[in-house]
Amino acid sequence: MKIDKDTVVTLQYRVADAQGKLIEASKDPMVYLHGGYDNTLPKIEEALQGQEAGHKVTLTLRPEDAFGLRDEGLLRVIPKSEFPPGVKVGGQLQGRNEQGQEQIYHVVKIKGPEVHLDGNHPLAGKVLQFTLQVSAVRAASAEEIAHRHVHGEHGHHH
């Protein structure tokens, strides 16, 4: 079966930086609903459209095609006294950005009485190489299409 709108794609992936240094590799397969449901990056869907199980491809994506450009406006410095005890570098918290929208922030540094937060995706601003290998393709169920995501093993459970 060919990958097309409303198919469920199972694949293994590796993500490396522009120099080829490994950032992440899938331990379990990634499973997503193909066809513009925002379940993976648009350039990945574009590269896999019309392919079949067994297809392997390596893509180099610019930041704007991957996790976006860095936005220095998403950096915050907040007094450590405003955090519960035990705040650690690498932690995440949910807050609101200047527009009042919910935003995930990463604790990137604790310097004396200050906690430095970054609301950018950790891979924002980076050129990335994605190596993808499709292991299975199947038709999506009506429920998966209605819910806009995959159900079952490696997918969403209700």
N, C-alpha and C. Protein backbone atom coordinates (compact mmCIF):
# COMPACT_ATOMS: atom_id res chain seq x y z
N MET A 1 0.84 -1.17 0.00
CA MET A 1 0.00 0.00 0.00
C MET A 1 0.89 1.24 0.00
N LYS A 2 0.49 2.22 -0.77
CA LYS A 2 1.25 3.48 -0.86
C LYS A 2 0.78 4.47 0.21
N ILE A 3 1.73 5.28 0.68
CA ILE A 3 1.41 6.32 1.65
C ILE A 3 0.62 7.42 0.94
N ASP A 4 -0.55 7.72 1.48
CA ASP A 4 -1.43 8.74 0.92
C ASP A 4 -2.27 9.30 2.07
N LYS A 5 -3.09 10.28 1.78
CA LYS A 5 -3.96 10.86 2.81
C LYS A 5 -4.77 9.74 3.46
N ASP A 6 -4.90 9.82 4.77
CA ASP A 6 -5.67 8.87 5.57
C ASP A 6 -5.07 7.47 5.60
N THR A 7 -3.73 7.41 5.54
CA THR A 7 -3.05 6.15 5.82
C THR A 7 -2.27 6.30 7.12
N VAL A 8 -2.06 5.18 7.79
CA VAL A 8 -1.27 5.15 9.01
C VAL A 8 0.12 4.65 8.64
N VAL A 9 1.12 5.44 8.97
CA VAL A 9 2.50 5.15 8.61
C VAL A 9 3.28 4.79 9.87
N THR A 10 4.00 3.68 9.81
CA THR A 10 4.88 3.26 10.90
C THR A 10 6.31 3.37 10.39
N LEU A 11 7.16 4.05 11.17
CA LEU A 11 8.55 4.21 10.73
C LEU A 11 9.51 4.31 11.89
N GLN A 12 10.75 4.01 11.59
CA GLN A 12 11.87 4.23 12.50
C GLN A 12 12.53 5.52 12.04
N TYR A 13 13.10 6.27 12.98
CA TYR A 13 13.75 7.52 12.59
C TYR A 13 15.01 7.77 13.40
N ARG A 14 15.86 8.58 12.81
CA ARG A 14 17.06 9.10 13.47
C ARG A 14 17.11 10.59 13.15
N VAL A 15 17.46 11.37 14.14
CA VAL A 15 17.62 12.81 13.95
C VAL A 15 19.06 13.15 14.32
N ALA A 16 19.74 13.85 13.41
CA ALA A 16 21.13 14.27 13.65
C ALA A 16 21.24 15.75 13.35
N ASP A 17 22.30 16.37 13.87
CA ASP A 17 22.53 17.78 13.54
C ASP A 17 23.16 17.87 12.15
N ALA A 18 23.46 19.09 11.73
CA ALA A 18 23.98 19.31 10.37
C ALA A 18 25.31 18.61 10.14
N GLN A 19 26.06 18.32 11.21
CA GLN A 19 27.35 17.64 11.08
C GLN A 19 27.20 16.12 11.18
N GLY A 20 25.97 15.65 11.34
CA GLY A 20 25.72 14.21 11.40
C GLY A 20 25.77 13.62 12.80
N LYS A 21 25.93 14.48 13.84
CA LYS A 21 25.97 13.98 15.22
C LYS A 21 24.55 13.61 15.66
N LEU A 22 24.38 12.36 16.12
CA LEU A 22 23.08 11.85 16.51
C LEU A 22 22.50 12.65 17.67
N ILE A 23 21.24 13.08 17.50
CA ILE A 23 20.50 13.77 18.56
C ILE A 23 19.49 12.81 19.19
N GLU A 24 18.79 12.06 18.34
CA GLU A 24 17.76 11.14 18.83
C GLU A 24 17.54 10.03 17.81
N ALA A 25 17.28 8.83 18.32
CA ALA A 25 16.91 7.70 17.45
C ALA A 25 15.73 7.01 18.10
N SER A 26 14.77 6.59 17.29
CA SER A 26 13.57 5.95 17.83
C SER A 26 13.92 4.58 18.41
N LYS A 27 13.42 4.33 19.60
CA LYS A 27 13.54 2.99 20.18
C LYS A 27 12.31 2.20 19.73
N ASP A 28 11.15 2.82 19.89
CA ASP A 28 9.90 2.23 19.40
C ASP A 28 9.55 2.92 18.09
N PRO A 29 8.82 2.25 17.24
CA PRO A 29 8.43 2.89 15.97
C PRO A 29 7.55 4.11 16.21
N MET A 30 7.67 5.08 15.34
CA MET A 30 6.77 6.23 15.33
C MET A 30 5.61 5.86 14.42
N VAL A 31 4.39 6.14 14.85
CA VAL A 31 3.21 5.83 14.06
C VAL A 31 2.40 7.11 13.96
N TYR A 32 2.05 7.51 12.74
CA TYR A 32 1.29 8.75 12.58
C TYR A 32 0.25 8.62 11.47
N LEU A 33 -0.76 9.49 11.55
CA LEU A 33 -1.80 9.57 10.53
C LEU A 33 -1.34 10.57 9.48
N HIS A 34 -1.17 10.08 8.25
CA HIS A 34 -0.64 10.88 7.14
C HIS A 34 -1.76 11.66 6.47
N GLY A 35 -1.43 12.89 6.06
CA GLY A 35 -2.40 13.63 5.26
C GLY A 35 -2.75 15.01 5.78
N GLY A 36 -1.81 15.69 6.41
CA GLY A 36 -2.07 17.06 6.83
C GLY A 36 -2.75 17.19 8.17
N TYR A 37 -2.56 16.23 9.06
CA TYR A 37 -3.18 16.28 10.38
C TYR A 37 -2.25 16.85 11.45
N ASP A 38 -1.11 17.38 11.03
CA ASP A 38 -0.11 17.95 11.95
C ASP A 38 0.43 16.93 12.94
N ASN A 39 0.55 15.67 12.50
CA ASN A 39 1.11 14.63 13.36
C ASN A 39 2.61 14.43 13.14
N THR A 40 3.14 15.06 12.12
CA THR A 40 4.59 15.08 11.89
C THR A 40 4.88 16.33 11.07
N LEU A 41 6.13 16.57 10.80
CA LEU A 41 6.51 17.78 10.06
C LEU A 41 6.03 17.70 8.60
N PRO A 42 5.54 18.80 8.04
CA PRO A 42 5.06 18.78 6.65
C PRO A 42 6.09 18.28 5.64
N LYS A 43 7.36 18.62 5.81
CA LYS A 43 8.40 18.17 4.86
C LYS A 43 8.60 16.65 4.94
N ILE A 44 8.36 16.07 6.12
CA ILE A 44 8.45 14.61 6.24
C ILE A 44 7.29 13.98 5.48
N GLU A 45 6.07 14.51 5.67
CA GLU A 45 4.92 13.99 4.91
C GLU A 45 5.16 14.11 3.42
N GLU A 46 5.68 15.24 2.99
CA GLU A 46 5.94 15.48 1.56
C GLU A 46 6.91 14.44 1.01
N ALA A 47 7.96 14.13 1.78
CA ALA A 47 8.98 13.17 1.32
C ALA A 47 8.44 11.74 1.29
N LEU A 48 7.47 11.43 2.15
CA LEU A 48 6.95 10.06 2.22
C LEU A 48 5.73 9.82 1.34
N GLN A 49 5.09 10.88 0.87
CA GLN A 49 3.90 10.75 0.03
C GLN A 49 4.17 9.82 -1.16
N GLY A 50 3.30 8.83 -1.33
CA GLY A 50 3.41 7.91 -2.46
C GLY A 50 4.40 6.77 -2.27
N GLN A 51 5.10 6.72 -1.15
CA GLN A 51 6.08 5.66 -0.90
C GLN A 51 5.41 4.46 -0.24
N GLU A 52 6.17 3.37 -0.10
CA GLU A 52 5.65 2.12 0.47
C GLU A 52 6.57 1.64 1.59
N ALA A 53 6.11 0.61 2.32
CA ALA A 53 6.93 -0.02 3.35
C ALA A 53 8.28 -0.41 2.74
N GLY A 54 9.34 -0.18 3.51
CA GLY A 54 10.70 -0.47 3.03
C GLY A 54 11.42 0.78 2.54
N HIS A 55 10.68 1.83 2.23
CA HIS A 55 11.29 3.07 1.73
C HIS A 55 12.17 3.69 2.81
N LYS A 56 13.36 4.13 2.41
CA LYS A 56 14.28 4.80 3.34
C LYS A 56 14.73 6.10 2.69
N VAL A 57 14.76 7.17 3.48
CA VAL A 57 15.16 8.47 2.95
C VAL A 57 15.85 9.27 4.06
N THR A 58 16.80 10.11 3.64
CA THR A 58 17.42 11.06 4.55
C THR A 58 17.11 12.46 4.06
N LEU A 59 16.57 13.28 4.94
CA LEU A 59 16.19 14.66 4.62
C LEU A 59 17.02 15.62 5.45
N THR A 60 17.44 16.72 4.85
CA THR A 60 18.06 17.79 5.60
C THR A 60 17.06 18.94 5.62
N LEU A 61 16.62 19.32 6.83
CA LEU A 61 15.61 20.35 6.97
C LEU A 61 16.19 21.60 7.62
N ARG A 62 15.88 22.74 7.02
CA ARG A 62 16.26 24.03 7.60
C ARG A 62 15.38 24.26 8.83
N PRO A 63 15.80 25.14 9.73
CA PRO A 63 15.01 25.38 10.95
C PRO A 63 13.54 25.72 10.66
N GLU A 64 13.29 26.53 9.64
CA GLU A 64 11.91 26.94 9.37
C GLU A 64 11.05 25.77 8.87
N ASP A 65 11.68 24.68 8.42
CA ASP A 65 10.96 23.48 7.99
C ASP A 65 10.92 22.40 9.06
N ALA A 66 11.62 22.65 10.18
CA ALA A 66 11.67 21.67 11.26
C ALA A 66 10.96 22.24 12.49
N PHE A 67 11.73 22.75 13.44
CA PHE A 67 11.15 23.22 14.71
C PHE A 67 11.18 24.73 14.85
N GLY A 68 11.34 25.43 13.74
CA GLY A 68 11.25 26.88 13.74
C GLY A 68 12.56 27.58 14.06
N LEU A 69 12.54 28.87 13.81
CA LEU A 69 13.67 29.72 14.16
C LEU A 69 13.60 30.02 15.65
N ARG A 70 14.75 30.29 16.24
CA ARG A 70 14.76 30.68 17.66
C ARG A 70 14.10 32.05 17.80
N ASP A 71 13.35 32.22 18.87
CA ASP A 71 12.71 33.49 19.19
C ASP A 71 13.24 33.93 20.54
N GLU A 72 14.13 34.92 20.52
CA GLU A 72 14.75 35.38 21.77
C GLU A 72 13.72 36.00 22.71
N GLY A 73 12.54 36.35 22.17
CA GLY A 73 11.46 36.86 22.99
C GLY A 73 10.85 35.80 23.90
N LEU A 74 11.22 34.55 23.69
CA LEU A 74 10.71 33.47 24.53
C LEU A 74 11.64 33.12 25.69
N LEU A 75 12.67 33.94 25.89
CA LEU A 75 13.57 33.75 27.03
C LEU A 75 13.04 34.54 28.21
N ARG A 76 13.11 33.95 29.39
CA ARG A 76 12.63 34.60 30.62
C ARG A 76 13.65 34.39 31.73
N VAL A 77 13.75 35.38 32.61
CA VAL A 77 14.53 35.24 33.84
C VAL A 77 13.56 35.57 34.97
N ILE A 78 13.38 34.61 35.87
CA ILE A 78 12.40 34.74 36.94
C ILE A 78 13.11 34.47 38.27
N PRO A 79 12.75 35.22 39.31
CA PRO A 79 13.37 34.96 40.62
C PRO A 79 13.14 33.51 41.08
N LYS A 80 14.20 32.91 41.59
CA LYS A 80 14.11 31.52 42.07
C LYS A 80 13.07 31.40 43.18
N SER A 81 12.84 32.48 43.91
CA SER A 81 11.88 32.46 45.02
C SER A 81 10.45 32.19 44.53
N GLU A 82 10.18 32.39 43.23
CA GLU A 82 8.84 32.15 42.68
C GLU A 82 8.61 30.68 42.29
N PHE A 83 9.64 29.85 42.45
CA PHE A 83 9.54 28.43 42.10
C PHE A 83 9.46 27.58 43.34
N PRO A 84 8.82 26.42 43.21
CA PRO A 84 8.84 25.49 44.36
C PRO A 84 10.26 24.97 44.56
N PRO A 85 10.56 24.50 45.77
CA PRO A 85 11.89 23.93 46.01
C PRO A 85 12.15 22.78 45.04
N GLY A 86 13.40 22.61 44.68
CA GLY A 86 13.77 21.48 43.83
C GLY A 86 13.76 21.79 42.34
N VAL A 87 13.58 23.06 41.94
CA VAL A 87 13.65 23.39 40.52
C VAL A 87 15.04 23.03 40.00
N LYS A 88 15.09 22.36 38.82
CA LYS A 88 16.36 21.86 38.30
C LYS A 88 16.50 22.21 36.83
N VAL A 89 17.75 22.39 36.40
CA VAL A 89 18.04 22.57 34.98
C VAL A 89 17.56 21.32 34.25
N GLY A 90 16.88 21.53 33.12
CA GLY A 90 16.33 20.42 32.35
C GLY A 90 14.85 20.22 32.63
N GLY A 91 14.35 20.83 33.68
CA GLY A 91 12.93 20.70 34.00
C GLY A 91 12.08 21.51 33.03
N GLN A 92 10.81 21.21 33.02
CA GLN A 92 9.85 21.93 32.17
C GLN A 92 8.71 22.43 33.03
N LEU A 93 8.13 23.54 32.60
CA LEU A 93 6.94 24.02 33.26
C LEU A 93 6.07 24.73 32.25
N GLN A 94 4.80 24.80 32.58
CA GLN A 94 3.86 25.46 31.68
C GLN A 94 3.57 26.83 32.24
N GLY A 95 3.62 27.82 31.35
CA GLY A 95 3.33 29.19 31.74
C GLY A 95 2.59 29.88 30.62
N ARG A 96 2.58 31.20 30.66
CA ARG A 96 1.94 32.00 29.61
C ARG A 96 2.97 32.94 29.02
N ASN A 97 2.91 33.08 27.68
CA ASN A 97 3.81 34.02 27.01
C ASN A 97 3.22 35.43 27.08
N GLU A 98 3.90 36.38 26.45
CA GLU A 98 3.45 37.78 26.52
C GLU A 98 2.08 38.00 25.89
N GLN A 99 1.66 37.11 24.99
CA GLN A 99 0.34 37.21 24.36
C GLN A 99 -0.74 36.51 25.19
N GLY A 100 -0.35 35.94 26.33
CA GLY A 100 -1.31 35.27 27.19
C GLY A 100 -1.59 33.83 26.80
N GLN A 101 -0.87 33.31 25.79
CA GLN A 101 -1.08 31.93 25.34
C GLN A 101 -0.23 30.98 26.20
N GLU A 102 -0.75 29.75 26.37
CA GLU A 102 0.03 28.77 27.13
C GLU A 102 1.31 28.43 26.38
N GLN A 103 2.38 28.24 27.13
CA GLN A 103 3.70 28.02 26.56
C GLN A 103 4.46 27.07 27.48
N ILE A 104 5.18 26.13 26.90
CA ILE A 104 6.06 25.26 27.68
C ILE A 104 7.43 25.94 27.75
N TYR A 105 7.98 26.03 28.95
CA TYR A 105 9.30 26.62 29.16
C TYR A 105 10.23 25.55 29.71
N HIS A 106 11.49 25.60 29.27
CA HIS A 106 12.54 24.69 29.74
C HIS A 106 13.46 25.47 30.66
N VAL A 107 13.82 24.88 31.79
CA VAL A 107 14.78 25.50 32.70
C VAL A 107 16.16 25.24 32.11
N VAL A 108 16.83 26.32 31.67
CA VAL A 108 18.13 26.16 31.01
C VAL A 108 19.31 26.52 31.90
N LYS A 109 19.06 27.34 32.95
CA LYS A 109 20.15 27.72 33.83
C LYS A 109 19.57 28.24 35.13
N ILE A 110 20.27 27.95 36.21
CA ILE A 110 19.94 28.54 37.50
C ILE A 110 21.21 29.25 37.96
N LYS A 111 21.11 30.57 38.09
CA LYS A 111 22.29 31.37 38.42
C LYS A 111 21.95 32.21 39.66
N GLY A 112 22.47 31.79 40.80
CA GLY A 112 22.18 32.50 42.04
C GLY A 112 20.69 32.53 42.30
N PRO A 113 20.12 33.73 42.46
CA PRO A 113 18.68 33.84 42.77
C PRO A 113 17.78 33.84 41.53
N GLU A 114 18.35 33.54 40.35
CA GLU A 114 17.58 33.63 39.11
C GLU A 114 17.44 32.26 38.42
N VAL A 115 16.27 32.06 37.83
CA VAL A 115 16.03 30.88 37.01
C VAL A 115 15.85 31.37 35.57
N HIS A 116 16.65 30.82 34.66
CA HIS A 116 16.58 31.19 33.24
C HIS A 116 15.75 30.16 32.50
N LEU A 117 14.70 30.65 31.81
CA LEU A 117 13.76 29.79 31.09
C LEU A 117 13.83 30.08 29.59
N ASP A 118 13.57 29.04 28.79
CA ASP A 118 13.54 29.18 27.33
C ASP A 118 12.28 28.50 26.82
N GLY A 119 11.43 29.29 26.13
CA GLY A 119 10.19 28.76 25.58
C GLY A 119 10.32 28.21 24.18
N ASN A 120 11.53 28.25 23.60
CA ASN A 120 11.75 27.68 22.28
C ASN A 120 11.82 26.16 22.37
N HIS A 121 11.43 25.49 21.28
CA HIS A 121 11.66 24.04 21.19
C HIS A 121 13.17 23.82 21.30
N PRO A 122 13.62 22.78 21.99
CA PRO A 122 15.07 22.56 22.13
C PRO A 122 15.83 22.47 20.80
N LEU A 123 15.15 22.09 19.71
CA LEU A 123 15.82 21.97 18.40
C LEU A 123 15.54 23.17 17.49
N ALA A 124 14.89 24.21 18.02
CA ALA A 124 14.62 25.41 17.22
C ALA A 124 15.94 26.04 16.79
N GLY A 125 15.96 26.54 15.57
CA GLY A 125 17.13 27.22 15.05
C GLY A 125 18.21 26.30 14.50
N LYS A 126 17.96 24.99 14.48
CA LYS A 126 18.98 24.04 14.02
C LYS A 126 18.61 23.41 12.68
N VAL A 127 19.64 23.22 11.85
CA VAL A 127 19.50 22.42 10.64
C VAL A 127 19.58 20.97 11.09
N LEU A 128 18.62 20.15 10.67
CA LEU A 128 18.54 18.77 11.14
C LEU A 128 18.49 17.79 9.98
N GLN A 129 19.09 16.63 10.20
CA GLN A 129 19.02 15.53 9.24
C GLN A 129 18.12 14.45 9.82
N PHE A 130 17.07 14.11 9.10
CA PHE A 130 16.15 13.07 9.50
C PHE A 130 16.37 11.87 8.58
N THR A 131 16.66 10.71 9.17
CA THR A 131 16.74 9.46 8.41
C THR A 131 15.51 8.66 8.80
N LEU A 132 14.70 8.33 7.80
CA LEU A 132 13.42 7.68 8.02
C LEU A 132 13.37 6.36 7.28
N GLN A 133 12.84 5.32 7.92
CA GLN A 133 12.62 4.05 7.23
C GLN A 133 11.20 3.59 7.55
N VAL A 134 10.40 3.49 6.49
CA VAL A 134 9.00 3.09 6.63
C VAL A 134 8.94 1.59 6.81
N SER A 135 8.26 1.13 7.88
CA SER A 135 8.14 -0.30 8.10
C SER A 135 6.75 -0.83 7.80
N ALA A 136 5.72 0.05 7.82
CA ALA A 136 4.37 -0.42 7.52
C ALA A 136 3.50 0.76 7.09
N VAL A 137 2.50 0.44 6.27
CA VAL A 137 1.49 1.42 5.83
C VAL A 137 0.15 0.67 5.83
N ARG A 138 -0.87 1.29 6.41
CA ARG A 138 -2.20 0.70 6.39
C ARG A 138 -3.24 1.81 6.26
N ALA A 139 -4.43 1.43 5.88
CA ALA A 139 -5.54 2.39 5.81
C ALA A 139 -5.94 2.77 7.22
N ALA A 140 -6.22 4.04 7.44
CA ALA A 140 -6.68 4.51 8.74
C ALA A 140 -8.15 4.13 8.93
N SER A 141 -8.54 3.92 10.17
CA SER A 141 -9.95 3.65 10.47
C SER A 141 -10.73 4.96 10.42
N ALA A 142 -12.04 4.85 10.30
CA ALA A 142 -12.90 6.04 10.29
C ALA A 142 -12.74 6.81 11.60
N GLU A 143 -12.59 6.08 12.71
CA GLU A 143 -12.42 6.73 14.01
C GLU A 143 -11.09 7.51 14.07
N GLU A 144 -10.02 6.92 13.55
CA GLU A 144 -8.72 7.61 13.53
C GLU A 144 -8.81 8.89 12.71
N ILE A 145 -9.47 8.81 11.56
CA ILE A 145 -9.62 9.99 10.70
C ILE A 145 -10.45 11.05 11.43
N ALA A 146 -11.53 10.65 12.06
CA ALA A 146 -12.38 11.59 12.79
C ALA A 146 -11.64 12.24 13.94
N HIS A 147 -10.78 11.48 14.62
CA HIS A 147 -10.04 12.00 15.77
C HIS A 147 -8.71 12.65 15.38
N ARG A 148 -8.32 12.49 14.11
CA ARG A 148 -7.12 13.12 13.55
C ARG A 148 -5.81 12.58 14.11
N HIS A 149 -5.83 11.33 14.62
CA HIS A 149 -4.61 10.69 15.10
C HIS A 149 -4.80 9.17 15.13
N VAL A 150 -3.69 8.46 15.26
CA VAL A 150 -3.69 7.00 15.27
C VAL A 150 -4.13 6.49 16.63
N HIS A 151 -4.87 5.40 16.65
CA HIS A 151 -5.26 4.71 17.88
C HIS A 151 -4.50 3.40 17.97
N GLY A 152 -4.47 2.82 19.16
CA GLY A 152 -3.89 1.49 19.33
C GLY A 152 -2.40 1.53 19.63
N GLU A 153 -1.74 0.43 19.35
CA GLU A 153 -0.32 0.28 19.68
C GLU A 153 0.50 1.43 19.09
N HIS A 154 1.29 2.09 19.94
CA HIS A 154 2.16 3.22 19.60
C HIS A 154 1.37 4.47 19.19
N GLY A 155 0.05 4.40 19.23
CA GLY A 155 -0.78 5.56 18.92
C GLY A 155 -1.44 6.07 20.18
N HIS A 156 -2.53 6.80 20.03
CA HIS A 156 -3.25 7.41 21.15
C HIS A 156 -4.26 6.41 21.72
N HIS A 157 -4.40 6.40 23.01
CA HIS A 157 -5.41 5.56 23.65
C HIS A 157 -6.41 6.46 24.34
N HIS A 158 -7.68 6.17 24.22
CA HIS A 158 -8.72 6.99 24.87
C HIS A 158 -9.14 6.33 26.15
